[in-house]
């Protein structure tokens, strides 16, 4: 007899009778008739070539073979039931690894608040942070390497999105730049040399390019950087300028002696969303984690 040839419902019947020590009580628990229980036990006796249960007074007692089966059978059925119905979720005791993808700007500006909120609400959880480049390489939101994304947005089958806040793009230069005042003219803007930030699927970059094109200006790109923080560091040490998210300038500007430059460019902004896939939507831990991220991001955004 192989497991593949055995009706697993028979094992559930045996487990219930072993627990109840009564065919009648087992029938009531499984919502079937006593004759259905007896028929199932008869089939299992034939399959295992053992009586399994014998009558004793008003109930039944297990044979040595049934006693040997009982612990393993009970564990297997409980594990299977837990896997089907899901484990009860308790934030305080949950030992989960959660993954969140975000650009380096959000890592600097929002991640500390998210990490603090997670440590307080889910002290046994682990957070794995991915870059946007790593997210794209892993298949995006629809892949299996990330639970949620904080970013400008990705559409696709099964992707859910919740708008969180707006990120404005501003031009910055070092505080002691010899050729830049607080405001530059169109001609002065056209003469500047720029640090360009190449972020995978960067919607902000596309809108920035469109903003310069609307003025008839072609940016002079002197250096391309992979992250906004790298661009900020380059601007702090050179006479190059860069268009950076304002939230990053608010955090790093005072430390790196950067200043915002007013320009005739149309306003450039991107909407930052929380994104996740349908595959994680109903999971209690994931739902709690998403709500935690939303609260942490909102609290940080409200600070002056």
C-alpha atoms as a PDB file:
ATOM      1  CA  UNK A   1       0.000   0.000   0.000  1.00  0.00           C
ATOM      2  CA  UNK A   2       1.425   3.374  -1.049  1.00  0.00           C
ATOM      3  CA  UNK A   3       0.331   6.757   0.257  1.00  0.00           C
ATOM      4  CA  UNK A   4      -0.720   7.759  -3.258  1.00  0.00           C
ATOM      5  CA  UNK A   5      -3.182   4.862  -3.350  1.00  0.00           C
ATOM      6  CA  UNK A   6      -4.695   5.698   0.030  1.00  0.00           C
ATOM      7  CA  UNK A   7      -7.727   7.945   0.490  1.00  0.00           C
ATOM      8  CA  UNK A   8      -6.449  10.532   2.959  1.00  0.00           C
ATOM      9  CA  UNK A   9      -9.979  11.104   4.262  1.00  0.00           C
ATOM     10  CA  UNK A  10      -9.682   7.676   5.882  1.00  0.00           C
ATOM     11  CA  UNK A  11      -6.771   8.933   7.973  1.00  0.00           C
ATOM     12  CA  UNK A  12      -8.828  11.921   9.099  1.00  0.00           C
ATOM     13  CA  UNK A  13     -11.576   9.529  10.155  1.00  0.00           C
ATOM     14  CA  UNK A  14      -9.127   7.378  12.122  1.00  0.00           C
ATOM     15  CA  UNK A  15      -7.632  10.434  13.840  1.00  0.00           C
ATOM     16  CA  UNK A  16     -11.077  11.645  14.892  1.00  0.00           C
ATOM     17  CA  UNK A  17     -12.156   8.252  16.235  1.00  0.00           C
ATOM     18  CA  UNK A  18      -8.871   7.932  18.129  1.00  0.00           C
ATOM     19  CA  UNK A  19      -9.508  11.324  19.717  1.00  0.00           C
ATOM     20  CA  UNK A  20     -13.168  10.654  20.566  1.00  0.00           C
ATOM     21  CA  UNK A  21     -12.830   6.933  21.406  1.00  0.00           C
ATOM     22  CA  UNK A  22     -16.348   6.589  20.004  1.00  0.00           C
ATOM     23  CA  UNK A  23     -17.739   6.057  16.501  1.00  0.00           C
ATOM     24  CA  UNK A  24     -20.912   8.007  17.351  1.00  0.00           C
ATOM     25  CA  UNK A  25     -19.040  11.024  18.720  1.00  0.00           C
ATOM     26  CA  UNK A  26     -16.630  10.975  15.766  1.00  0.00           C
ATOM     27  CA  UNK A  27     -19.626  10.952  13.396  1.00  0.00           C
ATOM     28  CA  UNK A  28     -21.124  14.018  15.084  1.00  0.00           C
ATOM     29  CA  UNK A  29     -17.779  15.845  14.958  1.00  0.00           C
ATOM     30  CA  UNK A  30     -17.295  15.114  11.257  1.00  0.00           C
ATOM     31  CA  UNK A  31     -20.991  15.735  10.441  1.00  0.00           C
ATOM     32  CA  UNK A  32     -21.515  12.256   8.943  1.00  0.00           C
ATOM     33  CA  UNK A  33     -23.466   9.155   9.962  1.00  0.00           C
ATOM     34  CA  UNK A  34     -22.014   6.436  12.206  1.00  0.00           C
ATOM     35  CA  UNK A  35     -22.320   3.993   9.301  1.00  0.00           C
ATOM     36  CA  UNK A  36     -20.096   6.265   7.183  1.00  0.00           C
ATOM     37  CA  UNK A  37     -17.466   6.176   9.945  1.00  0.00           C
ATOM     38  CA  UNK A  38     -17.719   2.374  10.148  1.00  0.00           C
ATOM     39  CA  UNK A  39     -17.372   2.025   6.370  1.00  0.00           C
ATOM     40  CA  UNK A  40     -14.315   4.278   6.338  1.00  0.00           C
ATOM     41  CA  UNK A  41     -12.676   2.302   9.133  1.00  0.00           C
ATOM     42  CA  UNK A  42     -13.389  -0.950   7.303  1.00  0.00           C
ATOM     43  CA  UNK A  43     -11.637   0.365   4.180  1.00  0.00           C
ATOM     44  CA  UNK A  44      -8.651   1.519   6.241  1.00  0.00           C
ATOM     45  CA  UNK A  45      -8.426  -1.828   8.064  1.00  0.00           C
ATOM     46  CA  UNK A  46      -8.274  -3.598   4.711  1.00  0.00           C
ATOM     47  CA  UNK A  47      -5.664  -1.187   3.362  1.00  0.00           C
ATOM     48  CA  UNK A  48      -3.404  -1.477   6.433  1.00  0.00           C
ATOM     49  CA  UNK A  49      -4.202  -5.109   7.235  1.00  0.00           C
ATOM     50  CA  UNK A  50      -4.861  -4.333  10.895  1.00  0.00           C
ATOM     51  CA  UNK A  51      -8.046  -4.065  13.014  1.00  0.00           C
ATOM     52  CA  UNK A  52      -6.894  -0.606  14.234  1.00  0.00           C
ATOM     53  CA  UNK A  53      -9.840  -0.239  16.674  1.00  0.00           C
ATOM     54  CA  UNK A  54     -11.721  -2.808  18.712  1.00  0.00           C
ATOM     55  CA  UNK A  55     -14.825  -2.379  20.818  1.00  0.00           C
ATOM     56  CA  UNK A  56     -14.488  -2.016  24.579  1.00  0.00           C
ATOM     57  CA  UNK A  57     -17.608  -1.317  26.569  1.00  0.00           C
ATOM     58  CA  UNK A  58     -19.417   1.630  24.954  1.00  0.00           C
ATOM     59  CA  UNK A  59     -16.375   2.849  23.072  1.00  0.00           C
ATOM     60  CA  UNK A  60     -13.379   1.639  21.077  1.00  0.00           C
ATOM     61  CA  UNK A  61      -9.699   1.179  21.919  1.00  0.00           C
ATOM     62  CA  UNK A  62      -6.732   1.297  19.519  1.00  0.00           C
ATOM     63  CA  UNK A  63      -4.577  -1.642  18.551  1.00  0.00           C
ATOM     64  CA  UNK A  64      -0.773  -1.320  18.917  1.00  0.00           C
ATOM     65  CA  UNK A  65      -0.596  -0.402  15.216  1.00  0.00           C
ATOM     66  CA  UNK A  66      -3.139   2.399  15.690  1.00  0.00           C
ATOM     67  CA  UNK A  67      -1.298   3.638  18.802  1.00  0.00           C
ATOM     68  CA  UNK A  68       1.910   3.838  16.784  1.00  0.00           C
ATOM     69  CA  UNK A  69       0.135   5.745  14.004  1.00  0.00           C
ATOM     70  CA  UNK A  70      -1.656   8.214  16.283  1.00  0.00           C
ATOM     71  CA  UNK A  71       1.144  10.734  17.094  1.00  0.00           C
ATOM     72  CA  UNK A  72       2.471  11.036  13.532  1.00  0.00           C
ATOM     73  CA  UNK A  73      -1.057  11.124  12.132  1.00  0.00           C
ATOM     74  CA  UNK A  74      -2.091  13.881  14.543  1.00  0.00           C
ATOM     75  CA  UNK A  75       0.959  16.022  13.768  1.00  0.00           C
ATOM     76  CA  UNK A  76       0.565  15.625  10.011  1.00  0.00           C
ATOM     77  CA  UNK A  77      -3.121  16.558  10.021  1.00  0.00           C
ATOM     78  CA  UNK A  78      -2.576  19.566  12.308  1.00  0.00           C
ATOM     79  CA  UNK A  79       0.296  20.818  10.143  1.00  0.00           C
ATOM     80  CA  UNK A  80      -1.824  20.385   7.036  1.00  0.00           C
ATOM     81  CA  UNK A  81      -4.774  22.213   8.599  1.00  0.00           C
ATOM     82  CA  UNK A  82      -2.506  25.070   9.697  1.00  0.00           C
ATOM     83  CA  UNK A  83      -1.006  25.329   6.206  1.00  0.00           C
ATOM     84  CA  UNK A  84      -4.467  25.473   4.634  1.00  0.00           C
ATOM     85  CA  UNK A  85      -6.060  27.942   7.024  1.00  0.00           C
ATOM     86  CA  UNK A  86      -2.971  29.995   7.763  1.00  0.00           C
ATOM     87  CA  UNK A  87      -1.089  30.547  10.963  1.00  0.00           C
ATOM     88  CA  UNK A  88      -2.565  32.995  13.453  1.00  0.00           C
ATOM     89  CA  UNK A  89      -0.677  36.270  13.066  1.00  0.00           C
ATOM     90  CA  UNK A  90       0.624  38.097  16.127  1.00  0.00           C
ATOM     91  CA  UNK A  91       2.849  41.108  15.318  1.00  0.00           C
ATOM     92  CA  UNK A  92       4.630  40.858  18.662  1.00  0.00           C
ATOM     93  CA  UNK A  93       5.811  37.281  18.076  1.00  0.00           C
ATOM     94  CA  UNK A  94       5.877  36.943  14.277  1.00  0.00           C
ATOM     95  CA  UNK A  95       9.293  35.862  13.001  1.00  0.00           C
ATOM     96  CA  UNK A  96       9.003  36.956   9.401  1.00  0.00           C
ATOM     97  CA  UNK A  97      11.405  38.322   6.836  1.00  0.00           C
ATOM     98  CA  UNK A  98       9.766  41.229   5.039  1.00  0.00           C
ATOM     99  CA  UNK A  99      11.208  42.829   1.913  1.00  0.00           C
ATOM    100  CA  UNK A 100      10.733  46.389   0.715  1.00  0.00           C
ATOM    101  CA  UNK A 101      12.207  47.963  -2.427  1.00  0.00           C
ATOM    102  CA  UNK A 102      12.902  51.691  -2.683  1.00  0.00           C
ATOM    103  CA  UNK A 103      15.230  54.185  -4.334  1.00  0.00           C
ATOM    104  CA  UNK A 104      18.168  55.567  -2.366  1.00  0.00           C
ATOM    105  CA  UNK A 105      16.283  58.816  -1.709  1.00  0.00           C
ATOM    106  CA  UNK A 106      13.566  56.988   0.185  1.00  0.00           C
ATOM    107  CA  UNK A 107      16.194  54.919   1.986  1.00  0.00           C
ATOM    108  CA  UNK A 108      17.687  58.135   3.361  1.00  0.00           C
ATOM    109  CA  UNK A 109      14.454  60.038   3.998  1.00  0.00           C
ATOM    110  CA  UNK A 110      11.850  57.423   4.970  1.00  0.00           C
ATOM    111  CA  UNK A 111      13.642  54.196   5.898  1.00  0.00           C
ATOM    112  CA  UNK A 112      14.698  55.266   9.428  1.00  0.00           C
ATOM    113  CA  UNK A 113      11.063  55.890  10.406  1.00  0.00           C
ATOM    114  CA  UNK A 114       9.962  52.607   8.820  1.00  0.00           C
ATOM    115  CA  UNK A 115      12.715  50.689  10.637  1.00  0.00           C
ATOM    116  CA  UNK A 116      11.775  52.267  13.967  1.00  0.00           C
ATOM    117  CA  UNK A 117       8.082  51.492  13.481  1.00  0.00           C
ATOM    118  CA  UNK A 118       8.844  47.885  12.544  1.00  0.00           C
ATOM    119  CA  UNK A 119      11.106  47.401  15.566  1.00  0.00           C
ATOM    120  CA  UNK A 120       8.334  48.658  17.853  1.00  0.00           C
ATOM    121  CA  UNK A 121       5.429  46.736  16.319  1.00  0.00           C
ATOM    122  CA  UNK A 122       7.143  43.562  15.035  1.00  0.00           C
ATOM    123  CA  UNK A 123      10.281  43.160  17.175  1.00  0.00           C
ATOM    124  CA  UNK A 124      11.082  39.664  15.861  1.00  0.00           C
ATOM    125  CA  UNK A 125      10.655  40.506  12.185  1.00  0.00           C
ATOM    126  CA  UNK A 126      13.535  41.145   9.794  1.00  0.00           C
ATOM    127  CA  UNK A 127      13.446  43.785   7.070  1.00  0.00           C
ATOM    128  CA  UNK A 128      15.346  43.302   3.810  1.00  0.00           C
ATOM    129  CA  UNK A 129      15.661  46.457   1.708  1.00  0.00           C
ATOM    130  CA  UNK A 130      16.252  46.243  -2.046  1.00  0.00           C
ATOM    131  CA  UNK A 131      17.304  48.953  -4.465  1.00  0.00           C
ATOM    132  CA  UNK A 132      15.131  49.729  -7.478  1.00  0.00           C
ATOM    133  CA  UNK A 133      17.817  48.234  -9.745  1.00  0.00           C
ATOM    134  CA  UNK A 134      17.695  45.002  -7.745  1.00  0.00           C
ATOM    135  CA  UNK A 135      13.891  45.065  -7.939  1.00  0.00           C
ATOM    136  CA  UNK A 136      13.940  45.362 -11.732  1.00  0.00           C
ATOM    137  CA  UNK A 137      16.525  42.567 -12.009  1.00  0.00           C
ATOM    138  CA  UNK A 138      14.327  40.341  -9.821  1.00  0.00           C
ATOM    139  CA  UNK A 139      11.247  40.763 -12.021  1.00  0.00           C
ATOM    140  CA  UNK A 140       9.602  43.845 -10.522  1.00  0.00           C
ATOM    141  CA  UNK A 141       6.593  43.924  -8.230  1.00  0.00           C
ATOM    142  CA  UNK A 142       5.242  40.773  -9.857  1.00  0.00           C
ATOM    143  CA  UNK A 143       8.336  38.775  -8.931  1.00  0.00           C
ATOM    144  CA  UNK A 144       8.779  36.779  -5.747  1.00  0.00           C
ATOM    145  CA  UNK A 145      11.767  38.652  -4.275  1.00  0.00           C
ATOM    146  CA  UNK A 146       9.903  41.638  -2.859  1.00  0.00           C
ATOM    147  CA  UNK A 147       6.796  42.107  -0.735  1.00  0.00           C
ATOM    148  CA  UNK A 148       6.204  45.801  -1.402  1.00  0.00           C
ATOM    149  CA  UNK A 149       7.718  48.783  -3.193  1.00  0.00           C
ATOM    150  CA  UNK A 150       7.927  52.480  -2.389  1.00  0.00           C
ATOM    151  CA  UNK A 151       8.366  54.253  -5.682  1.00  0.00           C
ATOM    152  CA  UNK A 152       7.056  56.325  -8.539  1.00  0.00           C
ATOM    153  CA  UNK A 153       4.897  53.502  -9.813  1.00  0.00           C
ATOM    154  CA  UNK A 154       4.707  50.292 -11.766  1.00  0.00           C
ATOM    155  CA  UNK A 155       1.627  49.071 -13.547  1.00  0.00           C
ATOM    156  CA  UNK A 156       0.912  45.532 -14.601  1.00  0.00           C
ATOM    157  CA  UNK A 157      -1.326  42.537 -14.015  1.00  0.00           C
ATOM    158  CA  UNK A 158      -2.043  42.007 -10.337  1.00  0.00           C
ATOM    159  CA  UNK A 159      -0.203  45.143  -9.135  1.00  0.00           C
ATOM    160  CA  UNK A 160      -1.997  47.180  -6.476  1.00  0.00           C
ATOM    161  CA  UNK A 161      -1.108  50.798  -5.729  1.00  0.00           C
ATOM    162  CA  UNK A 162      -1.736  53.273  -2.916  1.00  0.00           C
ATOM    163  CA  UNK A 163      -0.658  56.945  -3.433  1.00  0.00           C
ATOM    164  CA  UNK A 164       1.356  58.251  -0.474  1.00  0.00           C
ATOM    165  CA  UNK A 165       2.939  61.616  -1.177  1.00  0.00           C
ATOM    166  CA  UNK A 166       4.303  63.890  -3.881  1.00  0.00           C
ATOM    167  CA  UNK A 167       8.031  64.343  -4.429  1.00  0.00           C
ATOM    168  CA  UNK A 168       9.178  67.606  -6.032  1.00  0.00           C
ATOM    169  CA  UNK A 169      12.395  67.743  -8.075  1.00  0.00           C
ATOM    170  CA  UNK A 170      14.592  70.825  -7.505  1.00  0.00           C
ATOM    171  CA  UNK A 171      17.901  72.054  -8.875  1.00  0.00           C
ATOM    172  CA  UNK A 172      20.779  72.271  -6.375  1.00  0.00           C
ATOM    173  CA  UNK A 173      24.335  73.590  -6.355  1.00  0.00           C
ATOM    174  CA  UNK A 174      27.031  73.853  -3.702  1.00  0.00           C
ATOM    175  CA  UNK A 175      26.675  76.823  -1.403  1.00  0.00           C
ATOM    176  CA  UNK A 176      29.878  78.477  -2.626  1.00  0.00           C
ATOM    177  CA  UNK A 177      29.278  78.017  -6.352  1.00  0.00           C
ATOM    178  CA  UNK A 178      30.909  81.084  -7.995  1.00  0.00           C
ATOM    179  CA  UNK A 179      28.493  81.437 -10.929  1.00  0.00           C
ATOM    180  CA  UNK A 180      25.098  80.768  -9.339  1.00  0.00           C
ATOM    181  CA  UNK A 181      22.836  83.091  -7.384  1.00  0.00           C
ATOM    182  CA  UNK A 182      19.577  82.054  -5.728  1.00  0.00           C
ATOM    183  CA  UNK A 183      17.857  82.319  -9.086  1.00  0.00           C
ATOM    184  CA  UNK A 184      19.210  81.668 -12.594  1.00  0.00           C
ATOM    185  CA  UNK A 185      17.924  82.862 -15.951  1.00  0.00           C
ATOM    186  CA  UNK A 186      17.161  80.608 -18.884  1.00  0.00           C
ATOM    187  CA  UNK A 187      20.511  81.459 -20.463  1.00  0.00           C
ATOM    188  CA  UNK A 188      22.388  80.792 -17.216  1.00  0.00           C
ATOM    189  CA  UNK A 189      20.544  77.497 -16.774  1.00  0.00           C
ATOM    190  CA  UNK A 190      21.507  76.425 -20.299  1.00  0.00           C
ATOM    191  CA  UNK A 191      25.174  77.087 -19.514  1.00  0.00           C
ATOM    192  CA  UNK A 192      25.329  74.911 -16.409  1.00  0.00           C
ATOM    193  CA  UNK A 193      26.946  71.461 -16.363  1.00  0.00           C
ATOM    194  CA  UNK A 194      24.847  68.728 -14.759  1.00  0.00           C
ATOM    195  CA  UNK A 195      25.083  65.492 -12.848  1.00  0.00           C
ATOM    196  CA  UNK A 196      22.475  63.134 -14.277  1.00  0.00           C
ATOM    197  CA  UNK A 197      20.994  60.334 -12.175  1.00  0.00           C
ATOM    198  CA  UNK A 198      20.251  57.108 -14.004  1.00  0.00           C
ATOM    199  CA  UNK A 199      17.710  55.154 -11.964  1.00  0.00           C
ATOM    200  CA  UNK A 200      15.978  52.108 -13.396  1.00  0.00           C
ATOM    201  CA  UNK A 201      12.452  53.001 -14.558  1.00  0.00           C
ATOM    202  CA  UNK A 202      12.945  56.583 -13.349  1.00  0.00           C
ATOM    203  CA  UNK A 203       9.763  58.507 -14.083  1.00  0.00           C
ATOM    204  CA  UNK A 204      11.213  61.629 -12.489  1.00  0.00           C
ATOM    205  CA  UNK A 205      14.033  61.655 -15.048  1.00  0.00           C
ATOM    206  CA  UNK A 206      11.554  61.504 -17.912  1.00  0.00           C
ATOM    207  CA  UNK A 207       9.566  64.433 -16.515  1.00  0.00           C
ATOM    208  CA  UNK A 208      12.738  66.408 -15.866  1.00  0.00           C
ATOM    209  CA  UNK A 209      13.866  65.929 -19.467  1.00  0.00           C
ATOM    210  CA  UNK A 210      10.432  67.059 -20.671  1.00  0.00           C
ATOM    211  CA  UNK A 211      10.681  70.147 -18.441  1.00  0.00           C
ATOM    212  CA  UNK A 212      14.021  71.201 -19.968  1.00  0.00           C
ATOM    213  CA  UNK A 213      12.697  70.450 -23.452  1.00  0.00           C
ATOM    214  CA  UNK A 214       9.721  72.743 -22.794  1.00  0.00           C
ATOM    215  CA  UNK A 215      12.205  75.608 -22.349  1.00  0.00           C
ATOM    216  CA  UNK A 216      14.172  74.565 -25.416  1.00  0.00           C
ATOM    217  CA  UNK A 217      17.218  73.669 -23.309  1.00  0.00           C
ATOM    218  CA  UNK A 218      19.414  70.635 -23.784  1.00  0.00           C
ATOM    219  CA  UNK A 219      21.218  69.732 -20.571  1.00  0.00           C
ATOM    220  CA  UNK A 220      24.999  69.482 -20.657  1.00  0.00           C
ATOM    221  CA  UNK A 221      25.579  66.186 -18.827  1.00  0.00           C
ATOM    222  CA  UNK A 222      29.072  66.141 -17.350  1.00  0.00           C
ATOM    223  CA  UNK A 223      28.602  63.055 -15.163  1.00  0.00           C
ATOM    224  CA  UNK A 224      26.078  60.250 -14.782  1.00  0.00           C
ATOM    225  CA  UNK A 225      25.584  58.789 -11.309  1.00  0.00           C
ATOM    226  CA  UNK A 226      23.674  55.642 -10.268  1.00  0.00           C
ATOM    227  CA  UNK A 227      22.038  57.207  -7.186  1.00  0.00           C
ATOM    228  CA  UNK A 228      20.714  60.556  -6.017  1.00  0.00           C
ATOM    229  CA  UNK A 229      22.944  60.467  -2.935  1.00  0.00           C
ATOM    230  CA  UNK A 230      26.032  60.022  -5.106  1.00  0.00           C
ATOM    231  CA  UNK A 231      24.893  62.970  -7.240  1.00  0.00           C
ATOM    232  CA  UNK A 232      24.443  65.100  -4.119  1.00  0.00           C
ATOM    233  CA  UNK A 233      27.977  64.259  -2.964  1.00  0.00           C
ATOM    234  CA  UNK A 234      29.411  65.160  -6.385  1.00  0.00           C
ATOM    235  CA  UNK A 235      27.571  68.493  -6.437  1.00  0.00           C
ATOM    236  CA  UNK A 236      28.885  69.289  -2.938  1.00  0.00           C
ATOM    237  CA  UNK A 237      32.477  68.927  -4.136  1.00  0.00           C
ATOM    238  CA  UNK A 238      32.306  70.442  -7.643  1.00  0.00           C
ATOM    239  CA  UNK A 239      30.752  73.247  -9.681  1.00  0.00           C
ATOM    240  CA  UNK A 240      28.278  70.807 -11.242  1.00  0.00           C
ATOM    241  CA  UNK A 241      24.560  71.031 -10.489  1.00  0.00           C
ATOM    242  CA  UNK A 242      21.900  68.339 -10.211  1.00  0.00           C
ATOM    243  CA  UNK A 243      18.139  67.998 -10.117  1.00  0.00           C
ATOM    244  CA  UNK A 244      17.335  66.111  -6.915  1.00  0.00           C
ATOM    245  CA  UNK A 245      14.215  65.207  -4.920  1.00  0.00           C
ATOM    246  CA  UNK A 246      13.440  67.982  -2.476  1.00  0.00           C
ATOM    247  CA  UNK A 247      13.063  65.596   0.459  1.00  0.00           C
ATOM    248  CA  UNK A 248      16.674  64.477  -0.023  1.00  0.00           C
ATOM    249  CA  UNK A 249      17.857  68.087  -0.245  1.00  0.00           C
ATOM    250  CA  UNK A 250      16.030  68.851   3.015  1.00  0.00           C
ATOM    251  CA  UNK A 251      17.951  66.048   4.760  1.00  0.00           C
ATOM    252  CA  UNK A 252      21.389  66.243   3.115  1.00  0.00           C
ATOM    253  CA  UNK A 253      21.463  69.891   2.083  1.00  0.00           C
ATOM    254  CA  UNK A 254      22.573  71.281   5.470  1.00  0.00           C
ATOM    255  CA  UNK A 255      25.162  68.506   5.899  1.00  0.00           C
ATOM    256  CA  UNK A 256      26.681  68.874   2.429  1.00  0.00           C
ATOM    257  CA  UNK A 257      26.267  72.645   2.122  1.00  0.00           C
ATOM    258  CA  UNK A 258      23.901  72.391  -0.835  1.00  0.00           C
ATOM    259  CA  UNK A 259      21.409  75.077  -1.751  1.00  0.00           C
ATOM    260  CA  UNK A 260      18.333  75.058  -3.914  1.00  0.00           C
ATOM    261  CA  UNK A 261      18.468  77.168  -7.083  1.00  0.00           C
ATOM    262  CA  UNK A 262      15.340  78.767  -8.490  1.00  0.00           C
ATOM    263  CA  UNK A 263      14.951  78.333 -12.233  1.00  0.00           C
ATOM    264  CA  UNK A 264      12.435  79.159 -14.976  1.00  0.00           C
ATOM    265  CA  UNK A 265      11.722  75.428 -15.350  1.00  0.00           C
ATOM    266  CA  UNK A 266       8.115  74.239 -15.043  1.00  0.00           C
ATOM    267  CA  UNK A 267       7.424  72.445 -11.754  1.00  0.00           C
ATOM    268  CA  UNK A 268       8.523  68.818 -11.830  1.00  0.00           C
ATOM    269  CA  UNK A 269       7.019  66.347  -9.363  1.00  0.00           C
ATOM    270  CA  UNK A 270       6.372  62.623  -9.077  1.00  0.00           C
ATOM    271  CA  UNK A 271       3.834  60.721  -7.020  1.00  0.00           C
ATOM    272  CA  UNK A 272       5.340  58.166  -4.643  1.00  0.00           C
ATOM    273  CA  UNK A 273       3.160  55.093  -4.195  1.00  0.00           C
ATOM    274  CA  UNK A 274       3.141  51.969  -2.110  1.00  0.00           C
ATOM    275  CA  UNK A 275       2.953  49.055  -4.536  1.00  0.00           C
ATOM    276  CA  UNK A 276       2.379  45.369  -3.923  1.00  0.00           C
ATOM    277  CA  UNK A 277       1.221  42.333  -5.849  1.00  0.00           C
ATOM    278  CA  UNK A 278      -2.033  40.450  -5.575  1.00  0.00           C
ATOM    279  CA  UNK A 279      -0.150  37.377  -4.330  1.00  0.00           C
ATOM    280  CA  UNK A 280       0.600  39.123  -0.999  1.00  0.00           C
ATOM    281  CA  UNK A 281      -2.612  41.141  -0.718  1.00  0.00           C
ATOM    282  CA  UNK A 282      -4.554  38.868   1.653  1.00  0.00           C
ATOM    283  CA  UNK A 283      -1.667  37.753   3.878  1.00  0.00           C
ATOM    284  CA  UNK A 284      -2.249  39.123   7.430  1.00  0.00           C
ATOM    285  CA  UNK A 285       1.443  39.832   8.089  1.00  0.00           C
ATOM    286  CA  UNK A 286       1.861  41.595   4.758  1.00  0.00           C
ATOM    287  CA  UNK A 287      -1.277  43.652   5.309  1.00  0.00           C
ATOM    288  CA  UNK A 288      -0.033  44.706   8.759  1.00  0.00           C
ATOM    289  CA  UNK A 289       3.380  45.560   7.293  1.00  0.00           C
ATOM    290  CA  UNK A 290       1.858  47.711   4.545  1.00  0.00           C
ATOM    291  CA  UNK A 291      -0.249  49.616   7.069  1.00  0.00           C
ATOM    292  CA  UNK A 292       2.844  50.136   9.215  1.00  0.00           C
ATOM    293  CA  UNK A 293       4.779  51.532   6.227  1.00  0.00           C
ATOM    294  CA  UNK A 294       1.940  53.906   5.340  1.00  0.00           C
ATOM    295  CA  UNK A 295       1.790  55.272   8.914  1.00  0.00           C
ATOM    296  CA  UNK A 296       5.580  55.639   9.158  1.00  0.00           C
ATOM    297  CA  UNK A 297       5.848  57.436   5.817  1.00  0.00           C
ATOM    298  CA  UNK A 298       2.933  59.747   6.653  1.00  0.00           C
ATOM    299  CA  UNK A 299       4.437  60.637  10.046  1.00  0.00           C
ATOM    300  CA  UNK A 300       7.787  61.482   8.463  1.00  0.00           C
ATOM    301  CA  UNK A 301       6.147  63.495   5.666  1.00  0.00           C
ATOM    302  CA  UNK A 302       4.267  65.683   8.153  1.00  0.00           C
ATOM    303  CA  UNK A 303       7.475  66.857   9.852  1.00  0.00           C
ATOM    304  CA  UNK A 304       8.680  70.340   8.842  1.00  0.00           C
END
